[in-house]
Amino acid sequence: MTATIVLVIVVLGLIALVAFGITAFNSLRRLDVKAQEALGGIDVQLTRRADLVPNLVNSVKGYAAHEKSVFEDVTAARTGVAQAAQSGTVEEKAQAQGRLDRAIGDVLAVAENYPDLKASANFLQLQDQLADTENQLAFARQYYNDATATLNQRVVTIPWMFFAGPAGVAKRPFYQAPEGQQAPPQVQF
């Protein structure tokens, strides 16, 4: 009878260990998926902002046709954001965002020289949409960093760290704006 009790305890212990392993594996995978989803949210907002830029550029173009290099920089920056959103690392996304920030700032600086443009309803609406997108982008970056912090804490603590490898989960980098780009471009009219 004693051997049977020991066997039952061992079997129950193994079942509990396997159940914990499955729970740990699934928990880590869920956190990884949440962080990936959060990174996708940044991509959505970067793409939204990049899609607003041609409208902004077209509004300004009519007033400032001689500012060709500014518009070429914007086009190149938009292309970089699109490429980074599709297949870039977190750092590449941040760099592409920084380049687009600078390009938007240049377009807005050109717009400063044209009072009629600054009073245009279309331009003002685009300005509002851009400001809204900047707020949503800031929220998306914060959401990603929160999800990444939760995942990274789990991946480096016992007992979860023993399941990180089998679950295919590793620490993720935080989203950090490139140097000089920690704040969105200032839009003042």
C-alpha atoms as a PDB file:
ATOM      1  CA  MET A   1       0.000   0.000   0.000  1.00  0.00           C
ATOM      2  CA  THR A   2       2.859   2.414   0.734  1.00  0.00           C
ATOM      3  CA  ALA A   3       4.371   1.873  -2.713  1.00  0.00           C
ATOM      4  CA  THR A   4       0.992   2.673  -4.273  1.00  0.00           C
ATOM      5  CA  ILE A   5       0.752   5.948  -2.353  1.00  0.00           C
ATOM      6  CA  VAL A   6       4.276   6.917  -3.380  1.00  0.00           C
ATOM      7  CA  LEU A   7       3.470   6.050  -7.006  1.00  0.00           C
ATOM      8  CA  VAL A   8       0.274   8.133  -6.888  1.00  0.00           C
ATOM      9  CA  ILE A   9       2.192  11.076  -5.375  1.00  0.00           C
ATOM     10  CA  VAL A  10       4.894  10.813  -8.044  1.00  0.00           C
ATOM     11  CA  VAL A  11       2.305  10.620 -10.846  1.00  0.00           C
ATOM     12  CA  LEU A  12       0.379  13.586  -9.417  1.00  0.00           C
ATOM     13  CA  GLY A  13       3.651  15.516  -9.082  1.00  0.00           C
ATOM     14  CA  LEU A  14       4.524  14.790 -12.722  1.00  0.00           C
ATOM     15  CA  ILE A  15       1.049  15.827 -13.846  1.00  0.00           C
ATOM     16  CA  ALA A  16       1.369  19.075 -11.862  1.00  0.00           C
ATOM     17  CA  LEU A  17       4.817  19.705 -13.364  1.00  0.00           C
ATOM     18  CA  VAL A  18       3.567  19.103 -16.915  1.00  0.00           C
ATOM     19  CA  ALA A  19       0.526  21.309 -16.284  1.00  0.00           C
ATOM     20  CA  PHE A  20       2.771  24.086 -14.981  1.00  0.00           C
ATOM     21  CA  GLY A  21       5.055  23.679 -18.011  1.00  0.00           C
ATOM     22  CA  ILE A  22       2.124  24.027 -20.386  1.00  0.00           C
ATOM     23  CA  THR A  23       0.853  27.057 -18.486  1.00  0.00           C
ATOM     24  CA  ALA A  24       4.297  28.691 -18.522  1.00  0.00           C
ATOM     25  CA  PHE A  25       4.782  27.965 -22.227  1.00  0.00           C
ATOM     26  CA  ASN A  26       1.385  29.394 -23.143  1.00  0.00           C
ATOM     27  CA  SER A  27       1.848  32.425 -20.892  1.00  0.00           C
ATOM     28  CA  LEU A  28       5.153  33.312 -22.537  1.00  0.00           C
ATOM     29  CA  ARG A  29       3.734  32.821 -26.023  1.00  0.00           C
ATOM     30  CA  ARG A  30       0.724  35.055 -25.198  1.00  0.00           C
ATOM     31  CA  LEU A  31       3.032  37.811 -23.928  1.00  0.00           C
ATOM     32  CA  ASP A  32       5.172  37.524 -27.058  1.00  0.00           C
ATOM     33  CA  VAL A  33       2.102  37.758 -29.291  1.00  0.00           C
ATOM     34  CA  LYS A  34       0.897  40.797 -27.319  1.00  0.00           C
ATOM     35  CA  ALA A  35       4.259  42.526 -27.830  1.00  0.00           C
ATOM     36  CA  GLN A  36       4.184  41.678 -31.551  1.00  0.00           C
ATOM     37  CA  GLU A  37       0.649  43.050 -31.787  1.00  0.00           C
ATOM     38  CA  ALA A  38       1.759  46.231 -30.023  1.00  0.00           C
ATOM     39  CA  LEU A  39       4.616  46.636 -32.503  1.00  0.00           C
ATOM     40  CA  GLY A  40       2.058  46.262 -35.282  1.00  0.00           C
ATOM     41  CA  GLY A  41       0.129  49.152 -33.712  1.00  0.00           C
ATOM     42  CA  ILE A  42       3.198  51.351 -34.137  1.00  0.00           C
ATOM     43  CA  ASP A  43       3.396  50.259 -37.780  1.00  0.00           C
ATOM     44  CA  VAL A  44      -0.258  51.186 -38.311  1.00  0.00           C
ATOM     45  CA  GLN A  45       0.257  54.679 -36.908  1.00  0.00           C
ATOM     46  CA  LEU A  46       3.520  55.222 -38.805  1.00  0.00           C
ATOM     47  CA  THR A  47       1.782  54.162 -41.998  1.00  0.00           C
ATOM     48  CA  ARG A  48      -1.184  56.420 -41.229  1.00  0.00           C
ATOM     49  CA  ARG A  49       1.132  59.348 -40.701  1.00  0.00           C
ATOM     50  CA  ALA A  50       3.082  58.527 -43.853  1.00  0.00           C
ATOM     51  CA  ASP A  51      -0.217  58.438 -45.765  1.00  0.00           C
ATOM     52  CA  LEU A  52      -1.159  61.894 -44.477  1.00  0.00           C
ATOM     53  CA  VAL A  53       2.121  63.378 -45.619  1.00  0.00           C
ATOM     54  CA  PRO A  54       1.389  63.401 -49.398  1.00  0.00           C
ATOM     55  CA  ASN A  55      -1.797  65.376 -48.733  1.00  0.00           C
ATOM     56  CA  LEU A  56       0.174  67.799 -46.602  1.00  0.00           C
ATOM     57  CA  VAL A  57       2.873  68.052 -49.261  1.00  0.00           C
ATOM     58  CA  ASN A  58       0.327  68.613 -52.030  1.00  0.00           C
ATOM     59  CA  SER A  59      -1.247  71.417 -50.003  1.00  0.00           C
ATOM     60  CA  VAL A  60       2.115  73.089 -49.598  1.00  0.00           C
ATOM     61  CA  LYS A  61       3.379  72.324 -53.127  1.00  0.00           C
ATOM     62  CA  GLY A  62       1.030  74.729 -54.807  1.00  0.00           C
ATOM     63  CA  TYR A  63       2.428  77.553 -52.710  1.00  0.00           C
ATOM     64  CA  ALA A  64       6.078  76.523 -52.710  1.00  0.00           C
ATOM     65  CA  ALA A  65       6.910  74.855 -56.005  1.00  0.00           C
ATOM     66  CA  HIS A  66      10.548  75.963 -55.719  1.00  0.00           C
ATOM     67  CA  GLU A  67      11.117  73.827 -52.596  1.00  0.00           C
ATOM     68  CA  LYS A  68      11.739  70.651 -54.629  1.00  0.00           C
ATOM     69  CA  SER A  69      14.404  69.151 -52.326  1.00  0.00           C
ATOM     70  CA  VAL A  70      12.034  69.294 -49.345  1.00  0.00           C
ATOM     71  CA  PHE A  71       9.415  67.298 -51.241  1.00  0.00           C
ATOM     72  CA  GLU A  72      11.992  64.763 -52.443  1.00  0.00           C
ATOM     73  CA  ASP A  73      13.130  64.242 -48.837  1.00  0.00           C
ATOM     74  CA  VAL A  74       9.528  63.652 -47.786  1.00  0.00           C
ATOM     75  CA  THR A  75       9.049  61.062 -50.521  1.00  0.00           C
ATOM     76  CA  ALA A  76      12.238  59.250 -49.509  1.00  0.00           C
ATOM     77  CA  ALA A  77      11.225  59.333 -45.843  1.00  0.00           C
ATOM     78  CA  ARG A  78       7.761  57.929 -46.634  1.00  0.00           C
ATOM     79  CA  THR A  79       9.352  55.088 -48.588  1.00  0.00           C
ATOM     80  CA  GLY A  80      11.649  54.349 -45.653  1.00  0.00           C
ATOM     81  CA  VAL A  81       8.714  54.204 -43.238  1.00  0.00           C
ATOM     82  CA  ALA A  82       6.805  51.838 -45.513  1.00  0.00           C
ATOM     83  CA  GLN A  83       9.799  49.517 -45.811  1.00  0.00           C
ATOM     84  CA  ALA A  84      10.511  49.578 -42.081  1.00  0.00           C
ATOM     85  CA  ALA A  85       6.851  48.917 -41.258  1.00  0.00           C
ATOM     86  CA  GLN A  86       6.861  45.802 -43.423  1.00  0.00           C
ATOM     87  CA  SER A  87      10.090  44.150 -42.401  1.00  0.00           C
ATOM     88  CA  GLY A  88      12.220  46.366 -40.206  1.00  0.00           C
ATOM     89  CA  THR A  89      13.513  45.885 -36.716  1.00  0.00           C
ATOM     90  CA  VAL A  90      12.339  48.102 -33.890  1.00  0.00           C
ATOM     91  CA  GLU A  91      15.478  50.234 -34.321  1.00  0.00           C
ATOM     92  CA  GLU A  92      14.922  50.556 -38.092  1.00  0.00           C
ATOM     93  CA  LYS A  93      11.331  51.623 -37.465  1.00  0.00           C
ATOM     94  CA  ALA A  94      12.506  54.279 -35.015  1.00  0.00           C
ATOM     95  CA  GLN A  95      15.100  55.583 -37.478  1.00  0.00           C
ATOM     96  CA  ALA A  96      12.551  55.713 -40.296  1.00  0.00           C
ATOM     97  CA  GLN A  97      10.172  57.574 -37.999  1.00  0.00           C
ATOM     98  CA  GLY A  98      12.904  60.067 -37.131  1.00  0.00           C
ATOM     99  CA  ARG A  99      13.617  60.724 -40.790  1.00  0.00           C
ATOM    100  CA  LEU A 100       9.914  61.263 -41.505  1.00  0.00           C
ATOM    101  CA  ASP A 101       9.665  63.571 -38.464  1.00  0.00           C
ATOM    102  CA  ARG A 102      12.453  65.733 -39.874  1.00  0.00           C
ATOM    103  CA  ALA A 103      10.844  65.752 -43.333  1.00  0.00           C
ATOM    104  CA  ILE A 104       7.459  66.781 -41.898  1.00  0.00           C
ATOM    105  CA  GLY A 105       9.183  69.500 -39.920  1.00  0.00           C
ATOM    106  CA  ASP A 106      10.777  70.786 -43.139  1.00  0.00           C
ATOM    107  CA  VAL A 107       7.417  70.856 -44.933  1.00  0.00           C
ATOM    108  CA  LEU A 108       5.838  72.716 -42.038  1.00  0.00           C
ATOM    109  CA  ALA A 109       8.730  75.173 -42.005  1.00  0.00           C
ATOM    110  CA  VAL A 110       8.094  75.891 -45.698  1.00  0.00           C
ATOM    111  CA  ALA A 111       4.394  76.371 -44.924  1.00  0.00           C
ATOM    112  CA  GLU A 112       5.298  79.031 -42.352  1.00  0.00           C
ATOM    113  CA  ASN A 113       6.278  81.332 -45.238  1.00  0.00           C
ATOM    114  CA  TYR A 114       2.785  81.258 -46.793  1.00  0.00           C
ATOM    115  CA  PRO A 115       0.027  82.910 -44.705  1.00  0.00           C
ATOM    116  CA  ASP A 116      -2.700  81.970 -47.217  1.00  0.00           C
ATOM    117  CA  LEU A 117      -1.732  78.323 -46.884  1.00  0.00           C
ATOM    118  CA  LYS A 118      -1.802  78.482 -43.087  1.00  0.00           C
ATOM    119  CA  ALA A 119      -5.378  79.791 -43.277  1.00  0.00           C
ATOM    120  CA  SER A 120      -6.522  77.084 -45.725  1.00  0.00           C
ATOM    121  CA  ALA A 121      -9.243  74.835 -44.273  1.00  0.00           C
ATOM    122  CA  ASN A 122      -7.714  71.790 -45.986  1.00  0.00           C
ATOM    123  CA  PHE A 123      -4.291  72.530 -44.505  1.00  0.00           C
ATOM    124  CA  LEU A 124      -5.769  73.088 -41.048  1.00  0.00           C
ATOM    125  CA  GLN A 125      -7.659  69.790 -41.265  1.00  0.00           C
ATOM    126  CA  LEU A 126      -4.463  67.986 -42.277  1.00  0.00           C
ATOM    127  CA  GLN A 127      -2.672  69.641 -39.383  1.00  0.00           C
ATOM    128  CA  ASP A 128      -5.340  68.349 -36.969  1.00  0.00           C
ATOM    129  CA  GLN A 129      -5.135  64.843 -38.427  1.00  0.00           C
ATOM    130  CA  LEU A 130      -1.364  64.899 -38.123  1.00  0.00           C
ATOM    131  CA  ALA A 131      -1.572  66.001 -34.486  1.00  0.00           C
ATOM    132  CA  ASP A 132      -4.105  63.233 -33.780  1.00  0.00           C
ATOM    133  CA  THR A 133      -1.845  60.688 -35.435  1.00  0.00           C
ATOM    134  CA  GLU A 134       1.115  61.872 -33.343  1.00  0.00           C
ATOM    135  CA  ASN A 135      -0.943  61.281 -30.188  1.00  0.00           C
ATOM    136  CA  GLN A 136      -1.955  57.816 -31.347  1.00  0.00           C
ATOM    137  CA  LEU A 137       1.646  57.027 -32.281  1.00  0.00           C
ATOM    138  CA  ALA A 138       2.826  58.052 -28.822  1.00  0.00           C
ATOM    139  CA  PHE A 139       0.181  55.775 -27.289  1.00  0.00           C
ATOM    140  CA  ALA A 140       1.198  52.890 -29.593  1.00  0.00           C
ATOM    141  CA  ARG A 141       4.863  53.282 -28.618  1.00  0.00           C
ATOM    142  CA  GLN A 142       3.947  53.297 -24.934  1.00  0.00           C
ATOM    143  CA  TYR A 143       1.710  50.242 -25.349  1.00  0.00           C
ATOM    144  CA  TYR A 144       4.525  48.381 -27.113  1.00  0.00           C
ATOM    145  CA  ASN A 145       7.043  49.313 -24.412  1.00  0.00           C
ATOM    146  CA  ASP A 146       4.609  48.204 -21.686  1.00  0.00           C
ATOM    147  CA  ALA A 147       4.024  44.866 -23.423  1.00  0.00           C
ATOM    148  CA  THR A 148       7.775  44.476 -23.939  1.00  0.00           C
ATOM    149  CA  ALA A 149       8.507  45.255 -20.281  1.00  0.00           C
ATOM    150  CA  THR A 150       6.038  42.600 -19.142  1.00  0.00           C
ATOM    151  CA  LEU A 151       7.502  40.042 -21.539  1.00  0.00           C
ATOM    152  CA  ASN A 152      11.100  40.894 -20.658  1.00  0.00           C
ATOM    153  CA  GLN A 153      10.398  40.625 -16.918  1.00  0.00           C
ATOM    154  CA  ARG A 154       8.906  37.210 -17.412  1.00  0.00           C
ATOM    155  CA  VAL A 155      11.708  35.960 -19.681  1.00  0.00           C
ATOM    156  CA  VAL A 156      14.449  36.770 -17.154  1.00  0.00           C
ATOM    157  CA  THR A 157      12.783  35.545 -13.956  1.00  0.00           C
ATOM    158  CA  ILE A 158      12.608  32.096 -12.454  1.00  0.00           C
ATOM    159  CA  PRO A 159      10.796  29.803 -13.262  1.00  0.00           C
ATOM    160  CA  TRP A 160       9.681  31.393 -16.559  1.00  0.00           C
ATOM    161  CA  MET A 161      13.206  31.703 -17.903  1.00  0.00           C
ATOM    162  CA  PHE A 162      13.433  27.906 -18.131  1.00  0.00           C
ATOM    163  CA  PHE A 163      10.502  27.868 -20.536  1.00  0.00           C
ATOM    164  CA  ALA A 164      11.529  30.839 -22.695  1.00  0.00           C
ATOM    165  CA  GLY A 165      13.792  28.799 -24.978  1.00  0.00           C
ATOM    166  CA  PRO A 166      11.314  25.987 -25.636  1.00  0.00           C
ATOM    167  CA  ALA A 167       8.562  28.570 -26.192  1.00  0.00           C
ATOM    168  CA  GLY A 168      10.760  30.393 -28.715  1.00  0.00           C
ATOM    169  CA  VAL A 169      10.461  33.639 -26.764  1.00  0.00           C
ATOM    170  CA  ALA A 170      13.307  36.055 -26.085  1.00  0.00           C
ATOM    171  CA  LYS A 171      13.707  39.560 -24.709  1.00  0.00           C
ATOM    172  CA  ARG A 172      12.507  42.264 -27.064  1.00  0.00           C
ATOM    173  CA  PRO A 173      14.094  45.673 -27.539  1.00  0.00           C
ATOM    174  CA  PHE A 174      12.225  48.708 -26.276  1.00  0.00           C
ATOM    175  CA  TYR A 175      11.059  51.305 -28.765  1.00  0.00           C
ATOM    176  CA  GLN A 176      13.334  54.291 -28.388  1.00  0.00           C
ATOM    177  CA  ALA A 177      13.193  57.325 -30.591  1.00  0.00           C
ATOM    178  CA  PRO A 178      16.466  58.175 -32.309  1.00  0.00           C
ATOM    179  CA  GLU A 179      18.616  60.848 -30.704  1.00  0.00           C
ATOM    180  CA  GLY A 180      16.974  64.251 -31.064  1.00  0.00           C
ATOM    181  CA  GLN A 181      13.618  62.723 -32.005  1.00  0.00           C
ATOM    182  CA  GLN A 182      12.178  61.956 -28.573  1.00  0.00           C
ATOM    183  CA  ALA A 183       9.357  64.451 -29.120  1.00  0.00           C
ATOM    184  CA  PRO A 184       7.110  64.835 -32.171  1.00  0.00           C
ATOM    185  CA  PRO A 185       7.830  67.698 -34.551  1.00  0.00           C
ATOM    186  CA  GLN A 186       6.397  70.957 -33.329  1.00  0.00           C
ATOM    187  CA  VAL A 187       3.503  72.160 -35.456  1.00  0.00           C
ATOM    188  CA  GLN A 188       2.858  75.823 -34.799  1.00  0.00           C
ATOM    189  CA  PHE A 189       0.794  78.096 -36.991  1.00  0.00           C
END
